[in-house]
Amino acid sequence: MKVQHAQERSLLKEQQDREIDQTKEQRALKMKRRKIERSVKSLCLKEECDREKEYRRRLKHDAKENKSPTEPIIVASALV
């Protein structure tokens, strides 16, 4: 009887360990996905900032030459 009880406890413990491992794996995958999402968002924001800097630089350059901003730049920035 004690042996059977010990085996049941052992099986229950193994099942709980498997469930804990699955939960940890799911959490790790979720954290990894969030990290990737943050990286992508950060990269997009950086690219947008770089585009804005380039646009401002071109406007400044055009202003020095007394030119109006070129239409493709305005159209491209409006599309983004």
PDB file of N, CA and C in Angstrom:
ATOM      1  N   MET A   1       0.816  -1.195   0.000  1.00  0.00           N
ATOM      2  CA  MET A   1       0.000   0.000   0.000  1.00  0.00           C
ATOM      3  C   MET A   1       0.859   1.259   0.000  1.00  0.00           C
ATOM      4  N   LYS A   2       1.906   1.242   0.831  1.00  0.00           N
ATOM      5  CA  LYS A   2       2.800   2.403   0.890  1.00  0.00           C
ATOM      6  C   LYS A   2       3.525   2.595  -0.434  1.00  0.00           C
ATOM      7  N   VAL A   3       3.886   1.483  -1.066  1.00  0.00           N
ATOM      8  CA  VAL A   3       4.594   1.554  -2.344  1.00  0.00           C
ATOM      9  C   VAL A   3       3.682   2.175  -3.404  1.00  0.00           C
ATOM     10  N   GLN A   4       2.440   1.740  -3.426  1.00  0.00           N
ATOM     11  CA  GLN A   4       1.488   2.272  -4.395  1.00  0.00           C
ATOM     12  C   GLN A   4       1.262   3.766  -4.148  1.00  0.00           C
ATOM     13  N   HIS A   5       1.149   4.144  -2.902  1.00  0.00           N
ATOM     14  CA  HIS A   5       0.953   5.547  -2.547  1.00  0.00           C
ATOM     15  C   HIS A   5       2.171   6.388  -2.969  1.00  0.00           C
ATOM     16  N   ALA A   6       3.352   5.832  -2.754  1.00  0.00           N
ATOM     17  CA  ALA A   6       4.584   6.525  -3.145  1.00  0.00           C
ATOM     18  C   ALA A   6       4.649   6.682  -4.663  1.00  0.00           C
ATOM     19  N   GLN A   7       4.236   5.639  -5.390  1.00  0.00           N
ATOM     20  CA  GLN A   7       4.234   5.711  -6.849  1.00  0.00           C
ATOM     21  C   GLN A   7       3.252   6.782  -7.342  1.00  0.00           C
ATOM     22  N   GLU A   8       2.076   6.832  -6.708  1.00  0.00           N
ATOM     23  CA  GLU A   8       1.089   7.843  -7.086  1.00  0.00           C
ATOM     24  C   GLU A   8       1.628   9.251  -6.845  1.00  0.00           C
ATOM     25  N   ARG A   9       2.268   9.442  -5.696  1.00  0.00           N
ATOM     26  CA  ARG A   9       2.864  10.750  -5.404  1.00  0.00           C
ATOM     27  C   ARG A   9       3.956  11.087  -6.410  1.00  0.00           C
ATOM     28  N   SER A  10       4.740  10.068  -6.764  1.00  0.00           N
ATOM     29  CA  SER A  10       5.815  10.274  -7.735  1.00  0.00           C
ATOM     30  C   SER A  10       5.239  10.680  -9.098  1.00  0.00           C
ATOM     31  N   LEU A  11       4.185   9.978  -9.531  1.00  0.00           N
ATOM     32  CA  LEU A  11       3.548  10.306 -10.809  1.00  0.00           C
ATOM     33  C   LEU A  11       2.931  11.704 -10.776  1.00  0.00           C
ATOM     34  N   LEU A  12       2.293  12.032  -9.659  1.00  0.00           N
ATOM     35  CA  LEU A  12       1.703  13.357  -9.506  1.00  0.00           C
ATOM     36  C   LEU A  12       2.778  14.436  -9.552  1.00  0.00           C
ATOM     37  N   LYS A  13       3.889  14.180  -8.893  1.00  0.00           N
ATOM     38  CA  LYS A  13       5.010  15.127  -8.884  1.00  0.00           C
ATOM     39  C   LYS A  13       5.564  15.317 -10.299  1.00  0.00           C
ATOM     40  N   GLU A  14       5.713  14.222 -11.047  1.00  0.00           N
ATOM     41  CA  GLU A  14       6.210  14.305 -12.422  1.00  0.00           C
ATOM     42  C   GLU A  14       5.256  15.117 -13.294  1.00  0.00           C
ATOM     43  N   GLN A  15       3.948  14.882 -13.118  1.00  0.00           N
ATOM     44  CA  GLN A  15       2.959  15.619 -13.890  1.00  0.00           C
ATOM     45  C   GLN A  15       3.025  17.110 -13.557  1.00  0.00           C
ATOM     46  N   GLN A  16       3.140  17.432 -12.282  1.00  0.00           N
ATOM     47  CA  GLN A  16       3.244  18.831 -11.883  1.00  0.00           C
ATOM     48  C   GLN A  16       4.509  19.468 -12.452  1.00  0.00           C
ATOM     49  N   ASP A  17       5.606  18.718 -12.437  1.00  0.00           N
ATOM     50  CA  ASP A  17       6.860  19.231 -12.998  1.00  0.00           C
ATOM     51  C   ASP A  17       6.716  19.517 -14.493  1.00  0.00           C
ATOM     52  N   ARG A  18       6.046  18.599 -15.214  1.00  0.00           N
ATOM     53  CA  ARG A  18       5.831  18.810 -16.650  1.00  0.00           C
ATOM     54  C   ARG A  18       4.983  20.059 -16.892  1.00  0.00           C
ATOM     55  N   GLU A  19       3.934  20.227 -16.087  1.00  0.00           N
ATOM     56  CA  GLU A  19       3.080  21.402 -16.233  1.00  0.00           C
ATOM     57  C   GLU A  19       3.855  22.687 -15.947  1.00  0.00           C
ATOM     58  N   ILE A  20       4.688  22.649 -14.928  1.00  0.00           N
ATOM     59  CA  ILE A  20       5.511  23.815 -14.596  1.00  0.00           C
ATOM     60  C   ILE A  20       6.473  24.122 -15.737  1.00  0.00           C
ATOM     61  N   ASP A  21       7.098  23.070 -16.294  1.00  0.00           N
ATOM     62  CA  ASP A  21       8.020  23.262 -17.419  1.00  0.00           C
ATOM     63  C   ASP A  21       7.300  23.859 -18.628  1.00  0.00           C
ATOM     64  N   GLN A  22       6.093  23.359 -18.913  1.00  0.00           N
ATOM     65  CA  GLN A  22       5.326  23.893 -20.042  1.00  0.00           C
ATOM     66  C   GLN A  22       4.989  25.363 -19.818  1.00  0.00           C
ATOM     67  N   THR A  23       4.605  25.693 -18.601  1.00  0.00           N
ATOM     68  CA  THR A  23       4.275  27.078 -18.273  1.00  0.00           C
ATOM     69  C   THR A  23       5.499  27.970 -18.452  1.00  0.00           C
ATOM     70  N   LYS A  24       6.647  27.484 -17.991  1.00  0.00           N
ATOM     71  CA  LYS A  24       7.887  28.263 -18.142  1.00  0.00           C
ATOM     72  C   LYS A  24       8.230  28.462 -19.611  1.00  0.00           C
ATOM     73  N   GLU A  25       8.073  27.403 -20.413  1.00  0.00           N
ATOM     74  CA  GLU A  25       8.374  27.505 -21.840  1.00  0.00           C
ATOM     75  C   GLU A  25       7.438  28.498 -22.521  1.00  0.00           C
ATOM     76  N   GLN A  26       6.143  28.426 -22.182  1.00  0.00           N
ATOM     77  CA  GLN A  26       5.182  29.350 -22.778  1.00  0.00           C
ATOM     78  C   GLN A  26       5.512  30.788 -22.398  1.00  0.00           C
ATOM     79  N   ARG A  27       5.877  30.982 -21.143  1.00  0.00           N
ATOM     80  CA  ARG A  27       6.219  32.333 -20.691  1.00  0.00           C
ATOM     81  C   ARG A  27       7.479  32.833 -21.399  1.00  0.00           C
ATOM     82  N   ALA A  28       8.458  31.934 -21.546  1.00  0.00           N
ATOM     83  CA  ALA A  28       9.694  32.317 -22.232  1.00  0.00           C
ATOM     84  C   ALA A  28       9.401  32.703 -23.681  1.00  0.00           C
ATOM     85  N   LEU A  29       8.542  31.934 -24.355  1.00  0.00           N
ATOM     86  CA  LEU A  29       8.187  32.256 -25.736  1.00  0.00           C
ATOM     87  C   LEU A  29       7.453  33.592 -25.813  1.00  0.00           C
ATOM     88  N   LYS A  30       6.568  33.830 -24.860  1.00  0.00           N
ATOM     89  CA  LYS A  30       5.823  35.086 -24.832  1.00  0.00           C
ATOM     90  C   LYS A  30       6.774  36.262 -24.617  1.00  0.00           C
ATOM     91  N   MET A  31       7.732  36.088 -23.702  1.00  0.00           N
ATOM     92  CA  MET A  31       8.705  37.151 -23.436  1.00  0.00           C
ATOM     93  C   MET A  31       9.580  37.394 -24.655  1.00  0.00           C
ATOM     94  N   LYS A  32       9.967  36.313 -25.333  1.00  0.00           N
ATOM     95  CA  LYS A  32      10.791  36.437 -26.529  1.00  0.00           C
ATOM     96  C   LYS A  32      10.032  37.187 -27.621  1.00  0.00           C
ATOM     97  N   ARG A  33       8.741  36.855 -27.780  1.00  0.00           N
ATOM     98  CA  ARG A  33       7.919  37.531 -28.777  1.00  0.00           C
ATOM     99  C   ARG A  33       7.790  39.017 -28.448  1.00  0.00           C
ATOM    100  N   ARG A  34       7.572  39.339 -27.179  1.00  0.00           N
ATOM    101  CA  ARG A  34       7.471  40.743 -26.774  1.00  0.00           C
ATOM    102  C   ARG A  34       8.774  41.483 -27.029  1.00  0.00           C
ATOM    103  N   LYS A  35       9.887  40.811 -26.761  1.00  0.00           N
ATOM    104  CA  LYS A  35      11.195  41.434 -26.988  1.00  0.00           C
ATOM    105  C   LYS A  35      11.373  41.745 -28.475  1.00  0.00           C
ATOM    106  N   ILE A  36      10.984  40.800 -29.323  1.00  0.00           N
ATOM    107  CA  ILE A  36      11.087  41.009 -30.768  1.00  0.00           C
ATOM    108  C   ILE A  36      10.174  42.148 -31.201  1.00  0.00           C
ATOM    109  N   GLU A  37       8.943  42.173 -30.650  1.00  0.00           N
ATOM    110  CA  GLU A  37       8.014  43.251 -30.997  1.00  0.00           C
ATOM    111  C   GLU A  37       8.576  44.609 -30.595  1.00  0.00           C
ATOM    112  N   ARG A  38       9.186  44.678 -29.414  1.00  0.00           N
ATOM    113  CA  ARG A  38       9.783  45.946 -28.970  1.00  0.00           C
ATOM    114  C   ARG A  38      10.937  46.343 -29.876  1.00  0.00           C
ATOM    115  N   SER A  39      11.751  45.356 -30.278  1.00  0.00           N
ATOM    116  CA  SER A  39      12.879  45.650 -31.163  1.00  0.00           C
ATOM    117  C   SER A  39      12.393  46.183 -32.504  1.00  0.00           C
ATOM    118  N   VAL A  40      11.363  45.549 -33.041  1.00  0.00           N
ATOM    119  CA  VAL A  40      10.813  45.989 -34.328  1.00  0.00           C
ATOM    120  C   VAL A  40      10.242  47.394 -34.194  1.00  0.00           C
ATOM    121  N   LYS A  41       9.504  47.634 -33.114  1.00  0.00           N
ATOM    122  CA  LYS A  41       8.921  48.960 -32.895  1.00  0.00           C
ATOM    123  C   LYS A  41      10.019  50.007 -32.767  1.00  0.00           C
ATOM    124  N   SER A  42      11.068  49.667 -32.017  1.00  0.00           N
ATOM    125  CA  SER A  42      12.189  50.585 -31.836  1.00  0.00           C
ATOM    126  C   SER A  42      12.859  50.880 -33.174  1.00  0.00           C
ATOM    127  N   LEU A  43      13.045  49.840 -33.973  1.00  0.00           N
ATOM    128  CA  LEU A  43      13.671  50.014 -35.280  1.00  0.00           C
ATOM    129  C   LEU A  43      12.809  50.898 -36.178  1.00  0.00           C
ATOM    130  N   CYS A  44      11.494  50.678 -36.150  1.00  0.00           N
ATOM    131  CA  CYS A  44      10.587  51.502 -36.957  1.00  0.00           C
ATOM    132  C   CYS A  44      10.651  52.959 -36.520  1.00  0.00           C
ATOM    133  N   LEU A  45      10.665  53.185 -35.210  1.00  0.00           N
ATOM    134  CA  LEU A  45      10.746  54.556 -34.709  1.00  0.00           C
ATOM    135  C   LEU A  45      12.059  55.206 -35.114  1.00  0.00           C
ATOM    136  N   LYS A  46      13.154  54.430 -35.068  1.00  0.00           N
ATOM    137  CA  LYS A  46      14.456  54.961 -35.459  1.00  0.00           C
ATOM    138  C   LYS A  46      14.456  55.325 -36.941  1.00  0.00           C
ATOM    139  N   GLU A  47      13.894  54.445 -37.773  1.00  0.00           N
ATOM    140  CA  GLU A  47      13.838  54.731 -39.203  1.00  0.00           C
ATOM    141  C   GLU A  47      12.990  55.970 -39.478  1.00  0.00           C
ATOM    142  N   GLU A  48      11.871  56.088 -38.770  1.00  0.00           N
ATOM    143  CA  GLU A  48      11.013  57.259 -38.951  1.00  0.00           C
ATOM    144  C   GLU A  48      11.749  58.530 -38.540  1.00  0.00           C
ATOM    145  N   CYS A  49      12.470  58.460 -37.436  1.00  0.00           N
ATOM    146  CA  CYS A  49      13.242  59.609 -36.962  1.00  0.00           C
ATOM    147  C   CYS A  49      14.312  59.978 -37.990  1.00  0.00           C
ATOM    148  N   ASP A  50      14.979  58.964 -38.543  1.00  0.00           N
ATOM    149  CA  ASP A  50      16.004  59.219 -39.556  1.00  0.00           C
ATOM    150  C   ASP A  50      15.398  59.876 -40.799  1.00  0.00           C
ATOM    151  N   ARG A  51      14.210  59.416 -41.209  1.00  0.00           N
ATOM    152  CA  ARG A  51      13.548  60.023 -42.371  1.00  0.00           C
ATOM    153  C   ARG A  51      13.212  61.487 -42.095  1.00  0.00           C
ATOM    154  N   GLU A  52      12.713  61.742 -40.878  1.00  0.00           N
ATOM    155  CA  GLU A  52      12.377  63.128 -40.524  1.00  0.00           C
ATOM    156  C   GLU A  52      13.622  64.007 -40.510  1.00  0.00           C
ATOM    157  N   LYS A  53      14.723  63.481 -39.978  1.00  0.00           N
ATOM    158  CA  LYS A  53      15.973  64.247 -39.964  1.00  0.00           C
ATOM    159  C   LYS A  53      16.425  64.557 -41.384  1.00  0.00           C
ATOM    160  N   GLU A  54      16.345  63.559 -42.263  1.00  0.00           N
ATOM    161  CA  GLU A  54      16.749  63.755 -43.652  1.00  0.00           C
ATOM    162  C   GLU A  54      15.849  64.790 -44.326  1.00  0.00           C
ATOM    163  N   TYR A  55      14.561  64.723 -44.054  1.00  0.00           N
ATOM    164  CA  TYR A  55      13.620  65.683 -44.630  1.00  0.00           C
ATOM    165  C   TYR A  55      13.942  67.099 -44.159  1.00  0.00           C
ATOM    166  N   ARG A  56      14.183  67.253 -42.848  1.00  0.00           N
ATOM    167  CA  ARG A  56      14.523  68.582 -42.314  1.00  0.00           C
ATOM    168  C   ARG A  56      15.840  69.077 -42.898  1.00  0.00           C
ATOM    169  N   ARG A  57      16.802  68.169 -43.059  1.00  0.00           N
ATOM    170  CA  ARG A  57      18.094  68.549 -43.628  1.00  0.00           C
ATOM    171  C   ARG A  57      17.909  69.054 -45.056  1.00  0.00           C
ATOM    172  N   ARG A  58      17.074  68.341 -45.824  1.00  0.00           N
ATOM    173  CA  ARG A  58      16.841  68.765 -47.206  1.00  0.00           C
ATOM    174  C   ARG A  58      16.099  70.094 -47.262  1.00  0.00           C
ATOM    175  N   LEU A  59      15.133  70.273 -46.359  1.00  0.00           N
ATOM    176  CA  LEU A  59      14.428  71.562 -46.324  1.00  0.00           C
ATOM    177  C   LEU A  59      15.393  72.694 -46.022  1.00  0.00           C
ATOM    178  N   LYS A  60      16.269  72.467 -45.060  1.00  0.00           N
ATOM    179  CA  LYS A  60      17.256  73.480 -44.679  1.00  0.00           C
ATOM    180  C   LYS A  60      18.184  73.771 -45.860  1.00  0.00           C
ATOM    181  N   HIS A  61      18.620  72.712 -46.534  1.00  0.00           N
ATOM    182  CA  HIS A  61      19.510  72.864 -47.680  1.00  0.00           C
ATOM    183  C   HIS A  61      18.808  73.626 -48.799  1.00  0.00           C
ATOM    184  N   ASP A  62      17.545  73.275 -49.061  1.00  0.00           N
ATOM    185  CA  ASP A  62      16.782  73.970 -50.101  1.00  0.00           C
ATOM    186  C   ASP A  62      16.552  75.429 -49.730  1.00  0.00           C
ATOM    187  N   ALA A  63      16.334  75.699 -48.451  1.00  0.00           N
ATOM    188  CA  ALA A  63      16.111  77.081 -48.010  1.00  0.00           C
ATOM    189  C   ALA A  63      17.370  77.912 -48.226  1.00  0.00           C
ATOM    190  N   LYS A  64      18.532  77.306 -48.020  1.00  0.00           N
ATOM    191  CA  LYS A  64      19.786  78.032 -48.243  1.00  0.00           C
ATOM    192  C   LYS A  64      19.941  78.402 -49.711  1.00  0.00           C
ATOM    193  N   GLU A  65      19.439  77.544 -50.595  1.00  0.00           N
ATOM    194  CA  GLU A  65      19.546  77.800 -52.031  1.00  0.00           C
ATOM    195  C   GLU A  65      18.317  78.533 -52.563  1.00  0.00           C
ATOM    196  N   ASN A  66      17.430  78.943 -51.657  1.00  0.00           N
ATOM    197  CA  ASN A  66      16.191  79.644 -52.024  1.00  0.00           C
ATOM    198  C   ASN A  66      15.340  78.839 -53.004  1.00  0.00           C
ATOM    199  N   LYS A  67      15.269  77.556 -52.776  1.00  0.00           N
ATOM    200  CA  LYS A  67      14.426  76.686 -53.588  1.00  0.00           C
ATOM    201  C   LYS A  67      13.245  76.245 -52.742  1.00  0.00           C
ATOM    202  N   SER A  68      12.172  75.905 -53.403  1.00  0.00           N
ATOM    203  CA  SER A  68      11.065  75.300 -52.661  1.00  0.00           C
ATOM    204  C   SER A  68      11.381  73.810 -52.521  1.00  0.00           C
ATOM    205  N   PRO A  69      10.844  73.178 -51.497  1.00  0.00           N
ATOM    206  CA  PRO A  69      11.122  71.750 -51.334  1.00  0.00           C
ATOM    207  C   PRO A  69      10.639  70.973 -52.554  1.00  0.00           C
ATOM    208  N   THR A  70      11.383  69.969 -52.892  1.00  0.00           N
ATOM    209  CA  THR A  70      11.016  69.189 -54.066  1.00  0.00           C
ATOM    210  C   THR A  70       9.785  68.349 -53.754  1.00  0.00           C
ATOM    211  N   GLU A  71       8.927  68.196 -54.741  1.00  0.00           N
ATOM    212  CA  GLU A  71       7.670  67.485 -54.538  1.00  0.00           C
ATOM    213  C   GLU A  71       7.853  66.024 -54.152  1.00  0.00           C
ATOM    214  N   PRO A  72       8.787  65.281 -54.749  1.00  0.00           N
ATOM    215  CA  PRO A  72       8.919  63.873 -54.359  1.00  0.00           C
ATOM    216  C   PRO A  72       9.199  63.692 -52.863  1.00  0.00           C
ATOM    217  N   ILE A  73       9.939  64.611 -52.281  1.00  0.00           N
ATOM    218  CA  ILE A  73      10.232  64.495 -50.847  1.00  0.00           C
ATOM    219  C   ILE A  73       8.943  64.664 -50.053  1.00  0.00           C
ATOM    220  N   ILE A  74       8.142  65.650 -50.419  1.00  0.00           N
ATOM    221  CA  ILE A  74       6.883  65.896 -49.708  1.00  0.00           C
ATOM    222  C   ILE A  74       5.949  64.706 -49.893  1.00  0.00           C
ATOM    223  N   VAL A  75       5.851  64.212 -51.108  1.00  0.00           N
ATOM    224  CA  VAL A  75       4.983  63.069 -51.376  1.00  0.00           C
ATOM    225  C   VAL A  75       5.467  61.855 -50.599  1.00  0.00           C
ATOM    226  N   ALA A  76       6.770  61.616 -50.599  1.00  0.00           N
ATOM    227  CA  ALA A  76       7.317  60.461 -49.887  1.00  0.00           C
ATOM    228  C   ALA A  76       7.063  60.576 -48.394  1.00  0.00           C
ATOM    229  N   SER A  77       7.232  61.770 -47.833  1.00  0.00           N
ATOM    230  CA  SER A  77       7.002  61.926 -46.400  1.00  0.00           C
ATOM    231  C   SER A  77       5.519  61.818 -46.081  1.00  0.00           C
ATOM    232  N   ALA A  78       4.659  62.222 -46.984  1.00  0.00           N
ATOM    233  CA  ALA A  78       3.219  62.116 -46.754  1.00  0.00           C
ATOM    234  C   ALA A  78       2.767  60.662 -46.804  1.00  0.00           C
ATOM    235  N   LEU A  79       3.435  59.852 -47.599  1.00  0.00           N
ATOM    236  CA  LEU A  79       3.071  58.439 -47.699  1.00  0.00           C
ATOM    237  C   LEU A  79       3.476  57.657 -46.475  1.00  0.00           C
ATOM    238  N   VAL A  80       4.494  58.112 -45.789  1.00  0.00           N
ATOM    239  CA  VAL A  80       4.996  57.390 -44.616  1.00  0.00           C
ATOM    240  C   VAL A  80       4.192  57.689 -43.424  1.00  0.00           C
TER     241      VAL A  80
END
